[in-house]
Amino acid sequence: MGRVLRETLKPSTSSVSATTTSTSVTETVNGSHQFKITGYSLSKGSGIGKYIASDTFMVGGYLWAIYFYPDGKSPEDNAAYISLFIALASEGTDVRALFELTLLDQSGKERHKVHSHFGRTLESGPYTLKYRGSMWGYKRFFKRTLLEQSDYLKDDCLSVHCSVGVVMSHTEGPKIFSIAVPPSNIGHHFGQLLESGKQTDVSFEVDGEFFPAHKLLLAARSPVFRAQLFGPMKDHNTKQIEVEDMEAPVFKVQCNTSSSCVGLKLMLLLIAFTGLRFMMVTSH
């Protein structure tokens, strides 16, 4: 006759220091819009400071619009230049961006007139628009007399291309990838196996009643049974485990909940942790 030893769990005392990292990323969200202006000659004489606006377009979460001033924007230029600007058309404060305004050569020679802020990023950094209606561009974009003799004007039409790069910043931490794991039903399967009685190779005798079980499952759930059934002192002929100090109805209740494997676990806990005695019975 032997006594089942108590199983104890010791808390982990190891401490591992970890170093975390993060990265600040600043980049531009780019977009463009092409604005065609027809009837240029009819727009002349509309007045200094009067403009023709493109439809709004979205870049980087903000609305933008191109403003063309056929008689110029500045009174001191006396309508000698056309003016061209890109304006923030939606609500926003301190929007930082890069811009490029291009008057397209319509002769096919691709000698476009380009005013770009992109090429000066390292020199002066992005331009900051403080509020809705803030603009970036040139009051003296092109002299009118030269424009009207150039290949930029064709069939009384001008074509303007605008590029916008909105500066966006964010901080990236370590990427953590996870896979959704479905709930385990192995306990249910073990419970069905126990209830079926198939391939059982050992049984518990409790108060004259017998309950079939599987040695491997007992050993997997309890170091005590692992030692008794498969350790150095094991007996290959062990077919029965006699449990003392427990009534059969109590043991049976625990086994009846085994569909979720809870019964087997509670059964082992009752035997192992309460110090109940059992006797290994062998057959010869």
Protein backbone atom coordinates (compact mmCIF):
# COMPACT_ATOMS: atom_id res chain seq x y z
CA MET A 1 0.00 0.00 0.00
CA GLY A 2 1.36 3.39 -0.85
CA ARG A 3 0.51 7.02 -0.43
CA VAL A 4 0.23 9.47 -3.28
CA LEU A 5 2.65 12.35 -2.81
CA ARG A 6 1.39 15.91 -3.01
CA GLU A 7 2.23 17.87 -6.15
CA THR A 8 3.45 21.44 -5.64
CA LEU A 9 4.01 24.29 -8.07
CA LYS A 10 6.86 26.74 -7.57
CA PRO A 11 6.55 30.28 -8.91
CA SER A 12 9.11 31.33 -11.46
CA THR A 13 11.78 33.61 -10.05
CA SER A 14 13.58 34.34 -13.32
CA SER A 15 13.46 37.90 -14.62
CA VAL A 16 14.28 38.80 -18.19
CA SER A 17 14.98 42.38 -19.21
CA ALA A 18 13.74 43.35 -22.67
CA THR A 19 14.73 46.21 -24.96
CA THR A 20 11.96 47.74 -27.03
CA THR A 21 12.35 49.86 -30.15
CA SER A 22 10.34 52.35 -32.17
CA THR A 23 10.94 54.37 -35.33
CA SER A 24 9.70 57.81 -36.33
CA VAL A 25 8.74 57.87 -40.02
CA THR A 26 8.25 61.15 -41.92
CA GLU A 27 7.18 60.90 -45.54
CA THR A 28 5.00 62.61 -48.13
CA VAL A 29 1.60 61.56 -49.42
CA ASN A 30 1.67 62.66 -53.06
CA GLY A 31 -1.05 63.56 -55.52
CA SER A 32 -1.54 65.71 -58.61
CA HIS A 33 -4.18 67.57 -60.60
CA GLN A 34 -4.30 68.91 -64.16
CA PHE A 35 -6.21 72.13 -64.76
CA LYS A 36 -7.17 73.15 -68.30
CA ILE A 37 -7.98 76.82 -68.90
CA THR A 38 -9.89 77.54 -72.10
CA GLY A 39 -10.80 80.98 -73.47
CA TYR A 40 -7.66 82.61 -72.12
CA SER A 41 -8.11 85.78 -74.20
CA LEU A 42 -11.59 86.29 -72.76
CA SER A 43 -10.24 86.10 -69.19
CA LYS A 44 -7.84 89.02 -69.78
CA GLY A 45 -8.99 92.32 -68.38
CA SER A 46 -11.02 90.74 -65.58
CA GLY A 47 -8.96 92.74 -63.11
CA ILE A 48 -5.86 92.43 -60.96
CA GLY A 49 -6.46 90.01 -58.09
CA LYS A 50 -9.31 88.25 -59.91
CA TYR A 51 -8.76 84.53 -60.31
CA ILE A 52 -10.04 81.41 -62.01
CA ALA A 53 -10.08 78.40 -59.68
CA SER A 54 -9.86 74.73 -60.50
CA ASP A 55 -12.11 72.14 -58.97
CA THR A 56 -10.90 70.98 -55.56
CA PHE A 57 -8.90 67.77 -55.30
CA MET A 58 -7.83 65.63 -52.35
CA VAL A 59 -4.24 64.89 -51.34
CA GLY A 60 -3.11 63.66 -47.92
CA GLY A 61 -6.56 64.11 -46.39
CA TYR A 62 -6.82 67.79 -47.41
CA LEU A 63 -8.62 69.59 -50.23
CA TRP A 64 -6.59 71.74 -52.62
CA ALA A 65 -7.31 74.07 -55.52
CA ILE A 66 -5.28 75.83 -58.24
CA TYR A 67 -5.75 79.61 -58.57
CA PHE A 68 -4.92 81.27 -61.92
CA TYR A 69 -4.76 85.10 -62.08
CA PRO A 70 -4.86 86.17 -65.77
CA ASP A 71 -4.14 89.84 -64.85
CA GLY A 72 -1.80 88.99 -62.00
CA LYS A 73 -2.27 89.08 -58.24
CA SER A 74 -0.16 92.11 -57.36
CA PRO A 75 -1.23 95.67 -58.26
CA GLU A 76 2.38 96.90 -58.54
CA ASP A 77 2.96 94.58 -61.53
CA ASN A 78 0.24 96.42 -63.49
CA ALA A 79 -1.09 93.20 -65.12
CA ALA A 80 2.25 92.49 -66.77
CA TYR A 81 2.45 88.93 -65.35
CA ILE A 82 0.12 86.02 -64.86
CA SER A 83 0.06 84.61 -61.32
CA LEU A 84 -0.34 80.96 -60.36
CA PHE A 85 -0.93 79.53 -56.88
CA ILE A 86 -1.95 76.35 -55.09
CA ALA A 87 -4.27 76.92 -52.10
CA LEU A 88 -5.43 74.89 -49.12
CA ALA A 89 -9.19 74.58 -49.66
CA SER A 90 -10.21 72.69 -46.52
CA GLU A 91 -9.92 73.29 -42.81
CA GLY A 92 -6.44 72.69 -41.46
CA THR A 93 -3.71 74.36 -39.47
CA ASP A 94 0.04 74.21 -40.03
CA VAL A 95 -0.27 71.81 -42.97
CA ARG A 96 3.25 71.10 -44.22
CA ALA A 97 3.65 70.24 -47.88
CA LEU A 98 5.80 70.35 -51.00
CA PHE A 99 4.45 71.84 -54.23
CA GLU A 100 5.15 71.95 -57.94
CA LEU A 101 3.36 74.11 -60.53
CA THR A 102 3.96 73.36 -64.20
CA LEU A 103 2.75 75.25 -67.27
CA LEU A 104 2.69 72.57 -69.95
CA ASP A 105 4.33 73.01 -73.35
CA GLN A 106 1.61 72.12 -75.86
CA SER A 107 3.91 71.83 -78.88
CA GLY A 108 5.05 68.34 -77.97
CA LYS A 109 8.60 69.50 -77.28
CA GLU A 110 8.05 69.06 -73.53
CA ARG A 111 9.76 72.34 -72.68
CA HIS A 112 7.51 72.87 -69.72
CA LYS A 113 7.83 75.84 -67.39
CA VAL A 114 8.27 74.38 -63.93
CA HIS A 115 8.32 76.06 -60.53
CA SER A 116 8.98 73.37 -57.95
CA HIS A 117 9.36 73.25 -54.21
CA PHE A 118 10.30 69.55 -54.29
CA GLY A 119 13.88 70.26 -55.41
CA ARG A 120 14.47 72.57 -52.44
CA THR A 121 13.45 70.20 -49.65
CA LEU A 122 16.93 69.89 -48.13
CA GLU A 123 17.54 73.61 -48.47
CA SER A 124 14.45 75.09 -46.84
CA GLY A 125 12.17 72.22 -45.90
CA PRO A 126 8.45 71.90 -46.62
CA TYR A 127 6.19 74.95 -46.85
CA THR A 128 3.70 75.46 -44.02
CA LEU A 129 0.13 76.57 -44.74
CA LYS A 130 -1.31 78.12 -41.60
CA TYR A 131 -5.03 77.99 -42.34
CA ARG A 132 -7.70 77.49 -45.03
CA GLY A 133 -7.02 79.78 -47.98
CA SER A 134 -3.24 79.86 -47.43
CA MET A 135 -1.35 79.72 -50.73
CA TRP A 136 1.96 78.81 -52.27
CA GLY A 137 2.94 80.00 -55.72
CA TYR A 138 4.29 82.88 -57.80
CA LYS A 139 2.94 86.37 -58.42
CA ARG A 140 5.25 86.65 -61.43
CA PHE A 141 4.85 83.17 -62.80
CA PHE A 142 5.17 84.24 -66.47
CA LYS A 143 5.26 87.53 -68.33
CA ARG A 144 2.05 87.90 -70.31
CA THR A 145 3.63 89.19 -73.52
CA LEU A 146 5.97 86.20 -73.66
CA LEU A 147 3.21 83.75 -72.74
CA GLU A 148 1.01 84.87 -75.61
CA GLN A 149 3.82 84.21 -78.10
CA SER A 150 4.83 80.83 -76.66
CA ASP A 151 3.92 77.20 -77.16
CA TYR A 152 2.28 77.17 -73.74
CA LEU A 153 -0.77 78.85 -75.28
CA LYS A 154 -2.51 76.84 -77.96
CA ASP A 155 -5.99 77.40 -79.39
CA ASP A 156 -6.54 80.03 -76.70
CA CYS A 157 -5.98 77.34 -74.07
CA LEU A 158 -3.52 76.84 -71.20
CA SER A 159 -2.83 73.62 -69.33
CA VAL A 160 -1.46 73.59 -65.76
CA HIS A 161 -0.23 70.56 -63.84
CA CYS A 162 0.08 70.72 -60.05
CA SER A 163 1.77 68.23 -57.71
CA VAL A 164 1.30 68.24 -53.94
CA GLY A 165 3.23 66.21 -51.35
CA VAL A 166 1.66 66.45 -47.89
CA VAL A 167 4.16 65.73 -45.11
CA MET A 168 2.93 63.07 -42.69
CA SER A 169 4.69 61.69 -39.60
CA HIS A 170 3.99 58.65 -37.46
CA THR A 171 5.81 56.38 -35.04
CA GLU A 172 6.11 52.66 -35.68
CA GLY A 173 6.61 50.07 -32.97
CA PRO A 174 7.57 46.44 -33.46
CA LYS A 175 5.19 44.58 -35.74
CA ILE A 176 3.34 41.85 -33.90
CA PHE A 177 1.69 39.20 -36.02
CA SER A 178 -0.97 37.01 -34.47
CA ILE A 179 -2.90 34.01 -35.69
CA ALA A 180 -6.37 33.40 -34.34
CA VAL A 181 -6.33 29.99 -32.69
CA PRO A 182 -9.74 28.30 -32.30
CA PRO A 183 -10.66 27.01 -28.84
CA SER A 184 -9.21 23.60 -28.14
CA ASN A 185 -11.67 20.69 -28.03
CA ILE A 186 -9.10 18.06 -27.07
CA GLY A 187 -10.59 17.88 -23.58
CA HIS A 188 -13.97 16.98 -25.07
CA HIS A 189 -12.35 14.25 -27.17
CA PHE A 190 -10.54 12.81 -24.17
CA GLY A 191 -13.81 12.84 -22.26
CA GLN A 192 -15.54 10.91 -25.04
CA LEU A 193 -12.69 8.41 -25.09
CA LEU A 194 -13.03 7.87 -21.33
CA GLU A 195 -16.80 7.47 -21.57
CA SER A 196 -16.53 4.96 -24.44
CA GLY A 197 -14.26 2.64 -22.45
CA LYS A 198 -12.31 1.81 -25.59
CA GLN A 199 -8.67 0.75 -25.25
CA THR A 200 -8.72 1.17 -21.47
CA ASP A 201 -5.79 -0.58 -19.82
CA VAL A 202 -6.29 0.17 -16.14
CA SER A 203 -9.24 0.68 -13.80
CA PHE A 204 -9.89 2.39 -10.47
CA GLU A 205 -11.57 0.37 -7.76
CA VAL A 206 -13.45 2.67 -5.41
CA ASP A 207 -15.56 1.19 -2.65
CA GLY A 208 -16.19 -1.98 -4.66
CA GLU A 209 -16.99 -0.22 -7.96
CA PHE A 210 -14.70 -0.14 -11.01
CA PHE A 211 -13.97 2.83 -13.29
CA PRO A 212 -11.93 2.19 -16.49
CA ALA A 213 -9.15 4.59 -17.49
CA HIS A 214 -6.08 4.93 -19.68
CA LYS A 215 -2.56 4.78 -18.26
CA LEU A 216 -1.14 7.29 -20.73
CA LEU A 217 -3.73 9.94 -19.84
CA LEU A 218 -3.20 9.38 -16.14
CA ALA A 219 0.57 9.72 -16.56
CA ALA A 220 0.18 12.82 -18.72
CA ARG A 221 -1.94 14.57 -16.09
CA SER A 222 -0.05 13.56 -12.96
CA PRO A 223 3.68 13.13 -12.23
CA VAL A 224 2.70 10.79 -9.41
CA PHE A 225 0.90 8.37 -11.71
CA ARG A 226 3.66 8.82 -14.28
CA ALA A 227 6.18 7.56 -11.75
CA GLN A 228 3.96 4.72 -10.54
CA LEU A 229 2.92 3.51 -14.00
CA PHE A 230 6.01 4.26 -16.13
CA GLY A 231 8.82 5.04 -13.69
CA PRO A 232 11.70 2.80 -12.56
CA MET A 233 9.43 0.97 -10.10
CA LYS A 234 6.63 0.41 -12.60
CA ASP A 235 4.92 -2.93 -12.87
CA HIS A 236 3.84 -3.87 -16.38
CA ASN A 237 1.11 -6.09 -14.96
CA THR A 238 -0.69 -3.29 -13.14
CA LYS A 239 -4.34 -3.50 -14.16
CA GLN A 240 -6.12 -2.01 -11.19
CA ILE A 241 -5.70 0.93 -8.85
CA GLU A 242 -7.53 0.62 -5.59
CA VAL A 243 -8.46 3.99 -4.08
CA GLU A 244 -9.10 4.22 -0.38
CA ASP A 245 -10.73 6.97 1.68
CA MET A 246 -13.18 7.89 -1.09
CA GLU A 247 -16.76 6.86 -1.69
CA ALA A 248 -17.79 5.55 -5.10
CA PRO A 249 -20.61 8.13 -5.66
CA VAL A 250 -18.13 11.02 -5.19
CA PHE A 251 -15.67 9.45 -7.61
CA LYS A 252 -18.47 8.74 -10.10
CA VAL A 253 -19.69 12.35 -10.05
CA GLN A 254 -16.22 13.54 -11.00
CA CYS A 255 -15.99 11.04 -13.84
CA ASN A 256 -19.43 11.99 -15.17
CA THR A 257 -18.15 15.52 -15.90
CA SER A 258 -15.36 14.10 -18.02
CA SER A 259 -16.86 15.31 -21.32
CA SER A 260 -14.72 18.40 -20.86
CA CYS A 261 -11.89 16.47 -19.23
CA VAL A 262 -12.69 18.29 -15.98
CA GLY A 263 -13.69 15.04 -14.32
CA LEU A 264 -10.36 13.40 -14.98
CA LYS A 265 -8.51 16.46 -13.73
CA LEU A 266 -10.58 16.72 -10.55
CA MET A 267 -10.26 13.01 -9.99
CA LEU A 268 -6.47 13.25 -10.14
CA LEU A 269 -6.46 16.32 -7.90
CA LEU A 270 -8.58 14.53 -5.32
CA ILE A 271 -6.20 11.61 -5.31
CA ALA A 272 -2.91 13.48 -5.58
CA PHE A 273 -3.45 16.63 -3.53
CA THR A 274 -5.51 15.32 -0.68
CA GLY A 275 -3.08 12.52 -0.03
CA LEU A 276 -5.65 9.75 -0.54
CA ARG A 277 -4.17 6.31 -0.44
CA PHE A 278 -4.25 3.86 -3.30
CA MET A 279 -3.03 0.35 -3.87
CA MET A 280 -1.58 -0.89 -7.16
CA VAL A 281 -3.09 -4.30 -7.85
CA THR A 282 -1.28 -6.53 -10.33
CA SER A 283 -2.36 -9.61 -12.18
CA HIS A 284 -0.05 -12.55 -12.68
